[in-house]
Amino acid sequence: IAAGTPAVCGGNTALKENLEGICPLA
C-alpha cells in the first residue's frame, strides 16, 4: 500500500489490527 498498490487481506489477528478500514479484509 505504501508503494501505491492496493491489497486485500485476511480479516483476522494483527492484519485486522493494522489494516481494518484501510483495505478490504476477508
PDB file of all heavy atoms in Angstrom:
ATOM      1  N   ILE A   1       0.839  -1.200   0.000  1.00  0.00           N
ATOM      2  CA  ILE A   1       0.000   0.000   0.000  1.00  0.00           C
ATOM      3  C   ILE A   1       0.873   1.248   0.000  1.00  0.00           C
ATOM      4  O   ILE A   1       0.559   2.237  -0.677  1.00  0.00           O
ATOM      5  CB  ILE A   1      -0.955  -0.031   1.208  1.00  0.00           C
ATOM      6  CG1 ILE A   1      -1.950  -1.180   1.051  1.00  0.00           C
ATOM      7  CG2 ILE A   1      -1.711   1.291   1.328  1.00  0.00           C
ATOM      8  CD1 ILE A   1      -2.804  -1.437   2.273  1.00  0.00           C
ATOM      9  N   ALA A   2       2.003   1.203   0.727  1.00  0.00           N
ATOM     10  CA  ALA A   2       2.934   2.328   0.708  1.00  0.00           C
ATOM     11  C   ALA A   2       3.511   2.539  -0.690  1.00  0.00           C
ATOM     12  O   ALA A   2       3.817   3.672  -1.081  1.00  0.00           O
ATOM     13  CB  ALA A   2       4.063   2.100   1.709  1.00  0.00           C
ATOM     14  N   ALA A   3       3.653   1.449  -1.452  1.00  0.00           N
ATOM     15  CA  ALA A   3       4.179   1.536  -2.816  1.00  0.00           C
ATOM     16  C   ALA A   3       3.094   1.879  -3.831  1.00  0.00           C
ATOM     17  O   ALA A   3       3.363   1.911  -5.034  1.00  0.00           O
ATOM     18  CB  ALA A   3       4.851   0.211  -3.201  1.00  0.00           C
ATOM     19  N   GLY A   4       1.885   2.122  -3.347  1.00  0.00           N
ATOM     20  CA  GLY A   4       0.808   2.532  -4.239  1.00  0.00           C
ATOM     21  C   GLY A   4      -0.022   1.399  -4.789  1.00  0.00           C
ATOM     22  O   GLY A   4      -0.851   1.616  -5.681  1.00  0.00           O
ATOM     23  N   THR A   5       0.169   0.185  -4.260  1.00  0.00           N
ATOM     24  CA  THR A   5      -0.553  -0.984  -4.749  1.00  0.00           C
ATOM     25  C   THR A   5      -1.639  -1.381  -3.759  1.00  0.00           C
ATOM     26  O   THR A   5      -1.352  -1.571  -2.576  1.00  0.00           O
ATOM     27  CB  THR A   5       0.414  -2.172  -4.943  1.00  0.00           C
ATOM     28  OG1 THR A   5       1.408  -1.809  -5.898  1.00  0.00           O
ATOM     29  CG2 THR A   5      -0.330  -3.407  -5.433  1.00  0.00           C
ATOM     30  N   PRO A   6      -2.876  -1.501  -4.187  1.00  0.00           N
ATOM     31  CA  PRO A   6      -3.931  -1.921  -3.265  1.00  0.00           C
ATOM     32  C   PRO A   6      -3.717  -3.353  -2.800  1.00  0.00           C
ATOM     33  O   PRO A   6      -3.051  -4.151  -3.467  1.00  0.00           O
ATOM     34  CB  PRO A   6      -5.212  -1.782  -4.093  1.00  0.00           C
ATOM     35  CG  PRO A   6      -4.763  -1.823  -5.509  1.00  0.00           C
ATOM     36  CD  PRO A   6      -3.387  -1.234  -5.548  1.00  0.00           C
ATOM     37  N   ALA A   7      -4.285  -3.680  -1.646  1.00  0.00           N
ATOM     38  CA  ALA A   7      -4.151  -5.012  -1.068  1.00  0.00           C
ATOM     39  C   ALA A   7      -5.501  -5.498  -0.592  1.00  0.00           C
ATOM     40  O   ALA A   7      -6.392  -4.711  -0.273  1.00  0.00           O
ATOM     41  CB  ALA A   7      -3.154  -4.980   0.099  1.00  0.00           C
ATOM     42  N   VAL A   8      -5.637  -6.813  -0.533  1.00  0.00           N
ATOM     43  CA  VAL A   8      -6.776  -7.457   0.099  1.00  0.00           C
ATOM     44  C   VAL A   8      -6.205  -8.556   0.986  1.00  0.00           C
ATOM     45  O   VAL A   8      -5.305  -9.296   0.584  1.00  0.00           O
ATOM     46  CB  VAL A   8      -7.769  -8.024  -0.937  1.00  0.00           C
ATOM     47  CG1 VAL A   8      -7.098  -8.995  -1.895  1.00  0.00           C
ATOM     48  CG2 VAL A   8      -8.957  -8.683  -0.246  1.00  0.00           C
ATOM     49  N   CYS A   9      -6.699  -8.644   2.221  1.00  0.00           N
ATOM     50  CA  CYS A   9      -6.069  -9.498   3.224  1.00  0.00           C
ATOM     51  C   CYS A   9      -7.106 -10.280   4.009  1.00  0.00           C
ATOM     52  O   CYS A   9      -8.300  -9.964   3.993  1.00  0.00           O
ATOM     53  CB  CYS A   9      -5.256  -8.666   4.217  1.00  0.00           C
ATOM     54  SG  CYS A   9      -4.069  -7.555   3.469  1.00  0.00           S
ATOM     55  N   GLY A  10      -6.613 -11.288   4.730  1.00  0.00           N
ATOM     56  CA  GLY A  10      -7.441 -11.956   5.705  1.00  0.00           C
ATOM     57  C   GLY A  10      -7.815 -10.978   6.809  1.00  0.00           C
ATOM     58  O   GLY A  10      -6.993 -10.162   7.226  1.00  0.00           O
ATOM     59  N   GLY A  11      -9.049 -11.065   7.295  1.00  0.00           N
ATOM     60  CA  GLY A  11      -9.517 -10.082   8.288  1.00  0.00           C
ATOM     61  C   GLY A  11      -9.420 -10.607   9.694  1.00  0.00           C
ATOM     62  O   GLY A  11     -10.440 -10.745  10.379  1.00  0.00           O
ATOM     63  N   ASN A  12      -8.216 -10.884  10.136  1.00  0.00           N
ATOM     64  CA  ASN A  12      -8.038 -11.513  11.442  1.00  0.00           C
ATOM     65  C   ASN A  12      -6.718 -11.099  12.064  1.00  0.00           C
ATOM     66  O   ASN A  12      -5.911 -10.416  11.444  1.00  0.00           O
ATOM     67  CB  ASN A  12      -8.065 -13.041  11.285  1.00  0.00           C
ATOM     68  CG  ASN A  12      -7.149 -13.496  10.166  1.00  0.00           C
ATOM     69  OD1 ASN A  12      -5.966 -13.191  10.144  1.00  0.00           O
ATOM     70  ND2 ASN A  12      -7.701 -14.216   9.206  1.00  0.00           N
ATOM     71  N   THR A  13      -6.486 -11.498  13.281  1.00  0.00           N
ATOM     72  CA  THR A  13      -5.230 -11.326  14.031  1.00  0.00           C
ATOM     73  C   THR A  13      -4.671  -9.921  13.822  1.00  0.00           C
ATOM     74  O   THR A  13      -5.409  -8.944  13.845  1.00  0.00           O
ATOM     75  CB  THR A  13      -4.224 -12.439  13.663  1.00  0.00           C
ATOM     76  OG1 THR A  13      -3.878 -12.399  12.279  1.00  0.00           O
ATOM     77  CG2 THR A  13      -4.792 -13.814  13.985  1.00  0.00           C
ATOM     78  N   ALA A  14      -3.353  -9.796  13.628  1.00  0.00           N
ATOM     79  CA  ALA A  14      -2.751  -8.465  13.503  1.00  0.00           C
ATOM     80  C   ALA A  14      -3.101  -7.788  12.182  1.00  0.00           C
ATOM     81  O   ALA A  14      -2.978  -6.565  12.067  1.00  0.00           O
ATOM     82  CB  ALA A  14      -1.239  -8.556  13.665  1.00  0.00           C
ATOM     83  N   LEU A  15      -3.529  -8.550  11.176  1.00  0.00           N
ATOM     84  CA  LEU A  15      -3.954  -7.926   9.928  1.00  0.00           C
ATOM     85  C   LEU A  15      -5.161  -7.022  10.177  1.00  0.00           C
ATOM     86  O   LEU A  15      -5.241  -5.910   9.653  1.00  0.00           O
ATOM     87  CB  LEU A  15      -4.297  -8.993   8.892  1.00  0.00           C
ATOM     88  CG  LEU A  15      -3.129  -9.837   8.381  1.00  0.00           C
ATOM     89  CD1 LEU A  15      -3.630 -10.933   7.448  1.00  0.00           C
ATOM     90  CD2 LEU A  15      -2.096  -8.967   7.687  1.00  0.00           C
ATOM     91  N   LYS A  16      -6.091  -7.489  10.991  1.00  0.00           N
ATOM     92  CA  LYS A  16      -7.257  -6.671  11.314  1.00  0.00           C
ATOM     93  C   LYS A  16      -6.839  -5.482  12.163  1.00  0.00           C
ATOM     94  O   LYS A  16      -7.327  -4.359  11.976  1.00  0.00           O
ATOM     95  CB  LYS A  16      -8.295  -7.517  12.045  1.00  0.00           C
ATOM     96  CG  LYS A  16      -9.610  -6.789  12.283  1.00  0.00           C
ATOM     97  CD  LYS A  16     -10.683  -7.750  12.774  1.00  0.00           C
ATOM     98  CE  LYS A  16     -12.025  -7.042  12.884  1.00  0.00           C
ATOM     99  NZ  LYS A  16     -13.108  -7.982  13.286  1.00  0.00           N
ATOM    100  N   GLU A  17      -5.923  -5.710  13.108  1.00  0.00           N
ATOM    101  CA  GLU A  17      -5.440  -4.626  13.965  1.00  0.00           C
ATOM    102  C   GLU A  17      -4.828  -3.494  13.140  1.00  0.00           C
ATOM    103  O   GLU A  17      -5.079  -2.314  13.405  1.00  0.00           O
ATOM    104  CB  GLU A  17      -4.403  -5.172  14.947  1.00  0.00           C
ATOM    105  CG  GLU A  17      -3.757  -4.120  15.837  1.00  0.00           C
ATOM    106  CD  GLU A  17      -2.703  -4.723  16.762  1.00  0.00           C
ATOM    107  OE1 GLU A  17      -2.861  -5.884  17.170  1.00  0.00           O
ATOM    108  OE2 GLU A  17      -1.721  -4.020  17.063  1.00  0.00           O
ATOM    109  N   ASN A  18      -4.033  -3.849  12.143  1.00  0.00           N
ATOM    110  CA  ASN A  18      -3.308  -2.836  11.372  1.00  0.00           C
ATOM    111  C   ASN A  18      -4.106  -2.268  10.195  1.00  0.00           C
ATOM    112  O   ASN A  18      -3.930  -1.098   9.854  1.00  0.00           O
ATOM    113  CB  ASN A  18      -2.008  -3.427  10.831  1.00  0.00           C
ATOM    114  CG  ASN A  18      -0.976  -3.662  11.917  1.00  0.00           C
ATOM    115  OD1 ASN A  18      -0.926  -2.938  12.905  1.00  0.00           O
ATOM    116  ND2 ASN A  18      -0.152  -4.689  11.747  1.00  0.00           N
ATOM    117  N   LEU A  19      -4.966  -3.093   9.582  1.00  0.00           N
ATOM    118  CA  LEU A  19      -5.490  -2.734   8.269  1.00  0.00           C
ATOM    119  C   LEU A  19      -7.006  -2.561   8.204  1.00  0.00           C
ATOM    120  O   LEU A  19      -7.539  -2.260   7.139  1.00  0.00           O
ATOM    121  CB  LEU A  19      -5.070  -3.793   7.241  1.00  0.00           C
ATOM    122  CG  LEU A  19      -3.559  -3.874   7.013  1.00  0.00           C
ATOM    123  CD1 LEU A  19      -3.194  -5.172   6.315  1.00  0.00           C
ATOM    124  CD2 LEU A  19      -3.077  -2.689   6.195  1.00  0.00           C
ATOM    125  N   GLU A  20      -7.690  -2.721   9.329  1.00  0.00           N
ATOM    126  CA  GLU A  20      -9.141  -2.565   9.302  1.00  0.00           C
ATOM    127  C   GLU A  20      -9.506  -1.143   8.877  1.00  0.00           C
ATOM    128  O   GLU A  20      -8.985  -0.159   9.407  1.00  0.00           O
ATOM    129  CB  GLU A  20      -9.744  -2.875  10.666  1.00  0.00           C
ATOM    130  CG  GLU A  20     -11.265  -2.896  10.651  1.00  0.00           C
ATOM    131  CD  GLU A  20     -11.854  -3.444  11.935  1.00  0.00           C
ATOM    132  OE1 GLU A  20     -11.204  -3.298  13.004  1.00  0.00           O
ATOM    133  OE2 GLU A  20     -12.955  -4.016  11.887  1.00  0.00           O
ATOM    134  N   GLY A  21     -10.369  -1.044   7.890  1.00  0.00           N
ATOM    135  CA  GLY A  21     -10.775   0.250   7.375  1.00  0.00           C
ATOM    136  C   GLY A  21      -9.844   0.822   6.323  1.00  0.00           C
ATOM    137  O   GLY A  21     -10.158   1.840   5.710  1.00  0.00           O
ATOM    138  N   ILE A  22      -8.703   0.177   6.125  1.00  0.00           N
ATOM    139  CA  ILE A  22      -7.733   0.667   5.135  1.00  0.00           C
ATOM    140  C   ILE A  22      -7.901  -0.046   3.807  1.00  0.00           C
ATOM    141  O   ILE A  22      -7.904   0.576   2.743  1.00  0.00           O
ATOM    142  CB  ILE A  22      -6.296   0.505   5.663  1.00  0.00           C
ATOM    143  CG1 ILE A  22      -6.080   1.413   6.883  1.00  0.00           C
ATOM    144  CG2 ILE A  22      -5.268   0.817   4.572  1.00  0.00           C
ATOM    145  CD1 ILE A  22      -4.720   1.276   7.518  1.00  0.00           C
ATOM    146  N   CYS A  23      -8.018  -1.373   3.837  1.00  0.00           N
ATOM    147  CA  CYS A  23      -8.170  -2.153   2.611  1.00  0.00           C
ATOM    148  C   CYS A  23      -9.195  -3.259   2.857  1.00  0.00           C
ATOM    149  O   CYS A  23      -9.555  -3.536   4.012  1.00  0.00           O
ATOM    150  CB  CYS A  23      -6.826  -2.728   2.163  1.00  0.00           C
ATOM    151  SG  CYS A  23      -6.162  -4.027   3.239  1.00  0.00           S
ATOM    152  N   PRO A  24      -9.687  -3.909   1.812  1.00  0.00           N
ATOM    153  CA  PRO A  24     -10.655  -4.990   2.002  1.00  0.00           C
ATOM    154  C   PRO A  24     -10.068  -6.127   2.838  1.00  0.00           C
ATOM    155  O   PRO A  24      -8.917  -6.536   2.638  1.00  0.00           O
ATOM    156  CB  PRO A  24     -10.952  -5.459   0.577  1.00  0.00           C
ATOM    157  CG  PRO A  24     -10.584  -4.314  -0.297  1.00  0.00           C
ATOM    158  CD  PRO A  24      -9.433  -3.642   0.376  1.00  0.00           C
ATOM    159  N   LEU A  25     -10.871  -6.643   3.768  1.00  0.00           N
ATOM    160  CA  LEU A  25     -10.472  -7.761   4.616  1.00  0.00           C
ATOM    161  C   LEU A  25     -11.513  -8.866   4.485  1.00  0.00           C
ATOM    162  O   LEU A  25     -12.719  -8.600   4.510  1.00  0.00           O
ATOM    163  CB  LEU A  25     -10.358  -7.331   6.078  1.00  0.00           C
ATOM    164  CG  LEU A  25      -9.345  -6.227   6.405  1.00  0.00           C
ATOM    165  CD1 LEU A  25      -9.387  -5.901   7.897  1.00  0.00           C
ATOM    166  CD2 LEU A  25      -7.938  -6.618   5.989  1.00  0.00           C
ATOM    167  N   ALA A  26     -11.025 -10.084   4.373  1.00  0.00           N
ATOM    168  CA  ALA A  26     -11.914 -11.243   4.233  1.00  0.00           C
ATOM    169  C   ALA A  26     -12.084 -11.931   5.578  1.00  0.00           C
ATOM    170  O   ALA A  26     -11.098 -12.323   6.205  1.00  0.00           O
ATOM    171  CB  ALA A  26     -11.343 -12.223   3.213  1.00  0.00           C
TER     172      ALA A  26
END
